[in-house]
Amino acid sequence: MTGLRRDLVKYVRDKAKSKYRKHFECYICRERENLDFHHYNTLTPLLNKWVLKRKLEPENILEYRDEFIYEHHDELYEETVTLCHSHHLKLHSIYGKAPSLGTAKKQERWVGIQRKKFEDANGVV
């Protein structure tokens, strides 16, 4: 990866993040401060898999990142959730720092269960 000063995924995030739809509260507990944007499909392995499959040169990321973003629109913008920092840390304590791509639906299910528990415990409808 000659000439690159950062991880590949940061070049993609730089381009994509202006369109992220970060909500104003945690999806689970409705906290409004210290919010994090979480991708259920971890971007680093998603990008690495895509680059490897197409036999692309990583140092040319700026040439093909728009194509990656286009092809992975749902993973980048739809299959996401806004969580408070506490719930985000808890999710990663369960699924790991860089969850495998195969856990995306499990993560989404876990977030839904946590929201239901919060609503039930707090009488929220």
N, C-alpha and C. Protein backbone atom coordinates (compact mmCIF):
# COMPACT_ATOMS: atom_id res chain seq x y z
N MET A 1 0.84 -1.18 0.00
CA MET A 1 0.00 0.00 0.00
C MET A 1 0.88 1.24 0.00
N THR A 2 1.69 1.35 -0.98
CA THR A 2 2.61 2.45 -1.13
C THR A 2 1.88 3.77 -1.29
N GLY A 3 2.36 4.79 -0.58
CA GLY A 3 1.80 6.12 -0.74
C GLY A 3 0.57 6.42 0.10
N LEU A 4 -0.07 5.43 0.67
CA LEU A 4 -1.25 5.67 1.50
C LEU A 4 -0.80 5.98 2.93
N ARG A 5 -1.38 6.99 3.48
CA ARG A 5 -1.01 7.38 4.84
C ARG A 5 -2.02 6.89 5.88
N ARG A 6 -3.14 6.38 5.40
CA ARG A 6 -4.20 5.96 6.31
C ARG A 6 -4.76 4.63 5.86
N ASP A 7 -5.62 4.06 6.71
CA ASP A 7 -6.33 2.83 6.34
C ASP A 7 -7.23 3.11 5.14
N LEU A 8 -7.38 2.11 4.29
CA LEU A 8 -8.23 2.24 3.10
C LEU A 8 -9.62 2.76 3.43
N VAL A 9 -10.22 2.21 4.46
CA VAL A 9 -11.60 2.53 4.79
C VAL A 9 -11.78 4.02 5.12
N LYS A 10 -10.76 4.67 5.59
CA LYS A 10 -10.89 6.10 5.92
C LYS A 10 -11.09 6.94 4.67
N TYR A 11 -10.53 6.50 3.55
CA TYR A 11 -10.74 7.22 2.29
C TYR A 11 -12.19 7.08 1.84
N VAL A 12 -12.78 5.94 2.09
CA VAL A 12 -14.19 5.72 1.76
C VAL A 12 -15.07 6.54 2.70
N ARG A 13 -14.80 6.47 3.99
CA ARG A 13 -15.60 7.23 4.96
C ARG A 13 -15.56 8.73 4.68
N ASP A 14 -14.37 9.25 4.33
CA ASP A 14 -14.26 10.67 4.02
C ASP A 14 -15.26 11.08 2.94
N LYS A 15 -15.41 10.24 1.95
CA LYS A 15 -16.30 10.54 0.83
C LYS A 15 -17.77 10.28 1.19
N ALA A 16 -18.02 9.24 1.95
CA ALA A 16 -19.40 8.80 2.23
C ALA A 16 -20.07 9.51 3.40
N LYS A 17 -19.30 9.95 4.37
CA LYS A 17 -19.90 10.39 5.64
C LYS A 17 -20.80 11.61 5.55
N SER A 18 -20.66 12.42 4.53
CA SER A 18 -21.54 13.58 4.41
C SER A 18 -23.00 13.17 4.19
N LYS A 19 -23.21 11.94 3.74
CA LYS A 19 -24.58 11.46 3.49
C LYS A 19 -25.10 10.53 4.59
N TYR A 20 -24.28 10.32 5.63
CA TYR A 20 -24.76 9.48 6.74
C TYR A 20 -25.96 10.16 7.38
N ARG A 21 -26.94 9.36 7.76
CA ARG A 21 -28.14 9.89 8.41
C ARG A 21 -28.10 9.56 9.90
N LYS A 22 -27.27 10.28 10.60
CA LYS A 22 -27.15 10.10 12.04
C LYS A 22 -28.36 10.77 12.69
N HIS A 23 -29.07 10.01 13.50
CA HIS A 23 -30.26 10.53 14.15
C HIS A 23 -29.88 11.31 15.41
N PHE A 24 -30.83 12.00 15.97
CA PHE A 24 -30.57 12.89 17.09
C PHE A 24 -30.66 12.19 18.45
N GLU A 25 -30.95 10.87 18.43
CA GLU A 25 -31.02 10.15 19.70
C GLU A 25 -30.66 8.68 19.49
N CYS A 26 -30.26 8.04 20.58
CA CYS A 26 -29.93 6.61 20.55
C CYS A 26 -31.19 5.82 20.22
N TYR A 27 -31.08 4.92 19.29
CA TYR A 27 -32.22 4.10 18.89
C TYR A 27 -32.73 3.24 20.05
N ILE A 28 -31.84 2.88 20.95
CA ILE A 28 -32.23 2.01 22.07
C ILE A 28 -32.83 2.79 23.22
N CYS A 29 -32.10 3.77 23.75
CA CYS A 29 -32.51 4.41 25.01
C CYS A 29 -32.90 5.87 24.88
N ARG A 30 -32.85 6.40 23.66
CA ARG A 30 -33.24 7.78 23.38
C ARG A 30 -32.32 8.83 23.98
N GLU A 31 -31.12 8.43 24.41
CA GLU A 31 -30.11 9.38 24.87
C GLU A 31 -29.80 10.32 23.71
N ARG A 32 -29.54 11.60 24.02
CA ARG A 32 -29.31 12.58 22.96
C ARG A 32 -27.89 13.13 22.93
N GLU A 33 -27.04 12.60 23.78
CA GLU A 33 -25.65 13.07 23.80
C GLU A 33 -24.71 11.89 23.60
N ASN A 34 -23.49 12.21 23.18
CA ASN A 34 -22.47 11.18 22.95
C ASN A 34 -22.97 10.08 22.01
N LEU A 35 -23.42 10.48 20.84
CA LEU A 35 -23.98 9.54 19.88
C LEU A 35 -22.93 9.05 18.88
N ASP A 36 -23.05 7.78 18.51
CA ASP A 36 -22.16 7.15 17.54
C ASP A 36 -23.00 6.61 16.39
N PHE A 37 -22.41 6.59 15.22
CA PHE A 37 -23.05 6.04 14.02
C PHE A 37 -22.47 4.65 13.81
N HIS A 38 -23.31 3.63 13.78
CA HIS A 38 -22.84 2.26 13.69
C HIS A 38 -23.31 1.61 12.39
N HIS A 39 -22.37 1.00 11.67
CA HIS A 39 -22.67 0.20 10.48
C HIS A 39 -22.80 -1.25 10.93
N TYR A 40 -23.91 -1.89 10.64
CA TYR A 40 -24.04 -3.31 10.97
C TYR A 40 -23.05 -4.14 10.17
N ASN A 41 -22.77 -3.74 8.95
CA ASN A 41 -21.76 -4.39 8.11
C ASN A 41 -20.47 -3.59 8.27
N THR A 42 -19.53 -4.12 9.01
CA THR A 42 -18.29 -3.42 9.30
C THR A 42 -17.58 -3.07 8.00
N LEU A 43 -17.27 -1.80 7.84
CA LEU A 43 -16.76 -1.31 6.56
C LEU A 43 -15.40 -1.88 6.16
N THR A 44 -14.49 -2.05 7.11
CA THR A 44 -13.15 -2.52 6.74
C THR A 44 -13.20 -3.89 6.07
N PRO A 45 -13.82 -4.91 6.68
CA PRO A 45 -13.86 -6.19 5.96
C PRO A 45 -14.70 -6.14 4.68
N LEU A 46 -15.73 -5.31 4.66
CA LEU A 46 -16.56 -5.17 3.46
C LEU A 46 -15.71 -4.61 2.31
N LEU A 47 -14.96 -3.58 2.58
CA LEU A 47 -14.10 -2.98 1.56
C LEU A 47 -12.97 -3.93 1.16
N ASN A 48 -12.33 -4.55 2.13
CA ASN A 48 -11.23 -5.48 1.83
C ASN A 48 -11.70 -6.64 0.96
N LYS A 49 -12.88 -7.16 1.26
CA LYS A 49 -13.44 -8.26 0.47
C LYS A 49 -13.70 -7.81 -0.97
N TRP A 50 -14.24 -6.63 -1.12
CA TRP A 50 -14.56 -6.07 -2.43
C TRP A 50 -13.29 -5.85 -3.25
N VAL A 51 -12.27 -5.26 -2.62
CA VAL A 51 -10.99 -5.01 -3.29
C VAL A 51 -10.34 -6.32 -3.73
N LEU A 52 -10.34 -7.30 -2.84
CA LEU A 52 -9.73 -8.59 -3.13
C LEU A 52 -10.46 -9.31 -4.27
N LYS A 53 -11.79 -9.30 -4.22
CA LYS A 53 -12.59 -9.97 -5.25
C LYS A 53 -12.33 -9.38 -6.64
N ARG A 54 -12.12 -8.08 -6.70
CA ARG A 54 -11.90 -7.41 -7.98
C ARG A 54 -10.42 -7.30 -8.35
N LYS A 55 -9.57 -7.81 -7.46
CA LYS A 55 -8.11 -7.78 -7.69
C LYS A 55 -7.62 -6.36 -7.97
N LEU A 56 -8.10 -5.42 -7.14
CA LEU A 56 -7.72 -4.02 -7.28
C LEU A 56 -6.48 -3.72 -6.45
N GLU A 57 -5.77 -2.70 -6.82
CA GLU A 57 -4.60 -2.26 -6.07
C GLU A 57 -5.07 -1.31 -4.97
N PRO A 58 -4.81 -1.64 -3.71
CA PRO A 58 -5.27 -0.78 -2.61
C PRO A 58 -4.82 0.67 -2.73
N GLU A 59 -3.63 0.89 -3.27
CA GLU A 59 -3.13 2.27 -3.36
C GLU A 59 -3.93 3.13 -4.35
N ASN A 60 -4.82 2.50 -5.12
CA ASN A 60 -5.67 3.23 -6.07
C ASN A 60 -7.07 3.49 -5.53
N ILE A 61 -7.22 3.46 -4.23
CA ILE A 61 -8.53 3.61 -3.58
C ILE A 61 -9.29 4.85 -4.08
N LEU A 62 -8.61 5.95 -4.29
CA LEU A 62 -9.31 7.17 -4.71
C LEU A 62 -9.94 7.02 -6.09
N GLU A 63 -9.43 6.10 -6.89
CA GLU A 63 -9.97 5.87 -8.23
C GLU A 63 -11.25 5.03 -8.21
N TYR A 64 -11.40 4.18 -7.21
CA TYR A 64 -12.57 3.29 -7.23
C TYR A 64 -13.49 3.41 -6.02
N ARG A 65 -13.23 4.35 -5.14
CA ARG A 65 -14.10 4.45 -3.95
C ARG A 65 -15.54 4.83 -4.29
N ASP A 66 -15.73 5.66 -5.33
CA ASP A 66 -17.10 6.02 -5.72
C ASP A 66 -17.88 4.79 -6.16
N GLU A 67 -17.23 3.90 -6.87
CA GLU A 67 -17.87 2.66 -7.31
C GLU A 67 -18.24 1.79 -6.10
N PHE A 68 -17.32 1.69 -5.15
CA PHE A 68 -17.60 0.92 -3.93
C PHE A 68 -18.80 1.51 -3.19
N ILE A 69 -18.81 2.81 -3.04
CA ILE A 69 -19.92 3.48 -2.34
C ILE A 69 -21.23 3.23 -3.07
N TYR A 70 -21.22 3.32 -4.37
CA TYR A 70 -22.43 3.08 -5.16
C TYR A 70 -22.92 1.64 -4.98
N GLU A 71 -22.00 0.68 -5.09
CA GLU A 71 -22.38 -0.73 -5.00
C GLU A 71 -22.78 -1.15 -3.59
N HIS A 72 -22.34 -0.41 -2.59
CA HIS A 72 -22.64 -0.77 -1.20
C HIS A 72 -23.48 0.30 -0.51
N HIS A 73 -24.35 0.93 -1.28
CA HIS A 73 -25.20 1.98 -0.73
C HIS A 73 -25.96 1.54 0.52
N ASP A 74 -26.60 0.38 0.44
CA ASP A 74 -27.40 -0.08 1.57
C ASP A 74 -26.55 -0.30 2.82
N GLU A 75 -25.40 -0.94 2.66
CA GLU A 75 -24.54 -1.20 3.80
C GLU A 75 -24.01 0.10 4.42
N LEU A 76 -23.76 1.10 3.59
CA LEU A 76 -23.22 2.37 4.07
C LEU A 76 -24.27 3.29 4.67
N TYR A 77 -25.47 3.28 4.12
CA TYR A 77 -26.45 4.28 4.52
C TYR A 77 -27.74 3.73 5.12
N GLU A 78 -28.11 2.52 4.78
CA GLU A 78 -29.39 1.98 5.24
C GLU A 78 -29.23 0.99 6.40
N GLU A 79 -28.24 0.15 6.32
CA GLU A 79 -28.03 -0.88 7.35
C GLU A 79 -27.14 -0.32 8.45
N THR A 80 -27.68 0.73 9.11
CA THR A 80 -26.96 1.48 10.13
C THR A 80 -27.89 1.82 11.27
N VAL A 81 -27.30 2.31 12.34
CA VAL A 81 -28.10 2.74 13.48
C VAL A 81 -27.31 3.78 14.28
N THR A 82 -28.02 4.71 14.89
CA THR A 82 -27.40 5.67 15.79
C THR A 82 -27.57 5.14 17.20
N LEU A 83 -26.45 5.03 17.92
CA LEU A 83 -26.46 4.53 19.29
C LEU A 83 -25.72 5.51 20.20
N CYS A 84 -26.12 5.55 21.47
CA CYS A 84 -25.32 6.30 22.42
C CYS A 84 -23.99 5.55 22.57
N HIS A 85 -23.00 6.26 23.05
CA HIS A 85 -21.68 5.65 23.14
C HIS A 85 -21.70 4.40 24.02
N SER A 86 -22.48 4.43 25.07
CA SER A 86 -22.57 3.29 25.99
C SER A 86 -23.12 2.05 25.28
N HIS A 87 -24.21 2.20 24.56
CA HIS A 87 -24.78 1.05 23.85
C HIS A 87 -23.88 0.61 22.69
N HIS A 88 -23.19 1.55 22.07
CA HIS A 88 -22.27 1.20 20.99
C HIS A 88 -21.13 0.33 21.55
N LEU A 89 -20.60 0.75 22.70
CA LEU A 89 -19.53 -0.05 23.33
C LEU A 89 -20.05 -1.43 23.72
N LYS A 90 -21.27 -1.49 24.24
CA LYS A 90 -21.84 -2.78 24.64
C LYS A 90 -22.00 -3.70 23.43
N LEU A 91 -22.49 -3.16 22.32
CA LEU A 91 -22.64 -3.95 21.11
C LEU A 91 -21.28 -4.53 20.70
N HIS A 92 -20.25 -3.68 20.71
CA HIS A 92 -18.92 -4.16 20.31
C HIS A 92 -18.31 -5.10 21.34
N SER A 93 -18.71 -5.00 22.59
CA SER A 93 -18.21 -5.95 23.59
C SER A 93 -18.78 -7.34 23.32
N ILE A 94 -19.93 -7.40 22.69
CA ILE A 94 -20.57 -8.68 22.36
C ILE A 94 -20.06 -9.22 21.01
N TYR A 95 -20.00 -8.36 20.01
CA TYR A 95 -19.68 -8.81 18.65
C TYR A 95 -18.23 -8.56 18.24
N GLY A 96 -17.46 -7.92 19.09
CA GLY A 96 -16.05 -7.66 18.80
C GLY A 96 -15.82 -6.28 18.22
N LYS A 97 -14.56 -5.87 18.24
CA LYS A 97 -14.18 -4.54 17.76
C LYS A 97 -14.53 -4.37 16.28
N ALA A 98 -14.29 -5.39 15.50
CA ALA A 98 -14.61 -5.38 14.07
C ALA A 98 -15.45 -6.61 13.77
N PRO A 99 -16.76 -6.54 14.04
CA PRO A 99 -17.63 -7.71 13.83
C PRO A 99 -17.56 -8.24 12.41
N SER A 100 -17.60 -9.55 12.30
CA SER A 100 -17.57 -10.16 10.96
C SER A 100 -18.85 -9.80 10.22
N LEU A 101 -18.77 -9.82 8.91
CA LEU A 101 -19.91 -9.44 8.07
C LEU A 101 -21.12 -10.35 8.32
N GLY A 102 -20.86 -11.58 8.72
CA GLY A 102 -21.94 -12.52 8.97
C GLY A 102 -22.77 -12.22 10.20
N THR A 103 -22.37 -11.23 10.99
CA THR A 103 -23.12 -10.92 12.21
C THR A 103 -24.05 -9.72 12.07
N ALA A 104 -24.15 -9.14 10.89
CA ALA A 104 -24.94 -7.92 10.69
C ALA A 104 -26.39 -8.09 11.17
N LYS A 105 -27.04 -9.15 10.74
CA LYS A 105 -28.45 -9.36 11.14
C LYS A 105 -28.56 -9.63 12.64
N LYS A 106 -27.57 -10.32 13.21
CA LYS A 106 -27.58 -10.58 14.65
C LYS A 106 -27.43 -9.28 15.43
N GLN A 107 -26.56 -8.40 14.95
CA GLN A 107 -26.40 -7.10 15.60
C GLN A 107 -27.70 -6.31 15.56
N GLU A 108 -28.32 -6.31 14.39
CA GLU A 108 -29.58 -5.58 14.23
C GLU A 108 -30.66 -6.14 15.15
N ARG A 109 -30.70 -7.46 15.26
CA ARG A 109 -31.67 -8.11 16.15
C ARG A 109 -31.38 -7.74 17.61
N TRP A 110 -30.09 -7.74 18.00
CA TRP A 110 -29.70 -7.38 19.36
C TRP A 110 -30.15 -5.95 19.68
N VAL A 111 -29.93 -5.03 18.74
CA VAL A 111 -30.34 -3.64 18.95
C VAL A 111 -31.85 -3.56 19.16
N GLY A 112 -32.61 -4.29 18.36
CA GLY A 112 -34.07 -4.30 18.51
C GLY A 112 -34.51 -4.85 19.85
N ILE A 113 -33.86 -5.91 20.31
CA ILE A 113 -34.19 -6.51 21.61
C ILE A 113 -33.88 -5.52 22.74
N GLN A 114 -32.74 -4.84 22.64
CA GLN A 114 -32.37 -3.86 23.67
C GLN A 114 -33.36 -2.71 23.71
N ARG A 115 -33.83 -2.28 22.55
CA ARG A 115 -34.82 -1.20 22.50
C ARG A 115 -36.12 -1.65 23.18
N LYS A 116 -36.56 -2.86 22.86
CA LYS A 116 -37.79 -3.39 23.46
C LYS A 116 -37.66 -3.48 24.97
N LYS A 117 -36.50 -3.97 25.45
CA LYS A 117 -36.26 -4.05 26.89
C LYS A 117 -36.33 -2.68 27.53
N PHE A 118 -35.72 -1.70 26.89
CA PHE A 118 -35.74 -0.33 27.41
C PHE A 118 -37.17 0.21 27.46
N GLU A 119 -37.92 0.00 26.39
CA GLU A 119 -39.29 0.48 26.35
C GLU A 119 -40.15 -0.20 27.41
N ASP A 120 -40.00 -1.50 27.57
CA ASP A 120 -40.77 -2.24 28.57
C ASP A 120 -40.43 -1.77 29.98
N ALA A 121 -39.16 -1.56 30.24
CA ALA A 121 -38.71 -1.16 31.58
C ALA A 121 -39.12 0.27 31.92
N ASN A 122 -39.31 1.09 30.89
CA ASN A 122 -39.61 2.50 31.12
C ASN A 122 -41.02 2.90 30.71
N GLY A 123 -41.84 1.93 30.38
CA GLY A 123 -43.22 2.20 30.00
C GLY A 123 -43.34 3.07 28.75
N VAL A 124 -42.39 2.94 27.86
CA VAL A 124 -42.38 3.73 26.63
C VAL A 124 -43.10 2.96 25.54
N VAL A 125 -43.89 3.68 24.76
CA VAL A 125 -44.61 3.05 23.66
C VAL A 125 -44.09 3.58 22.35
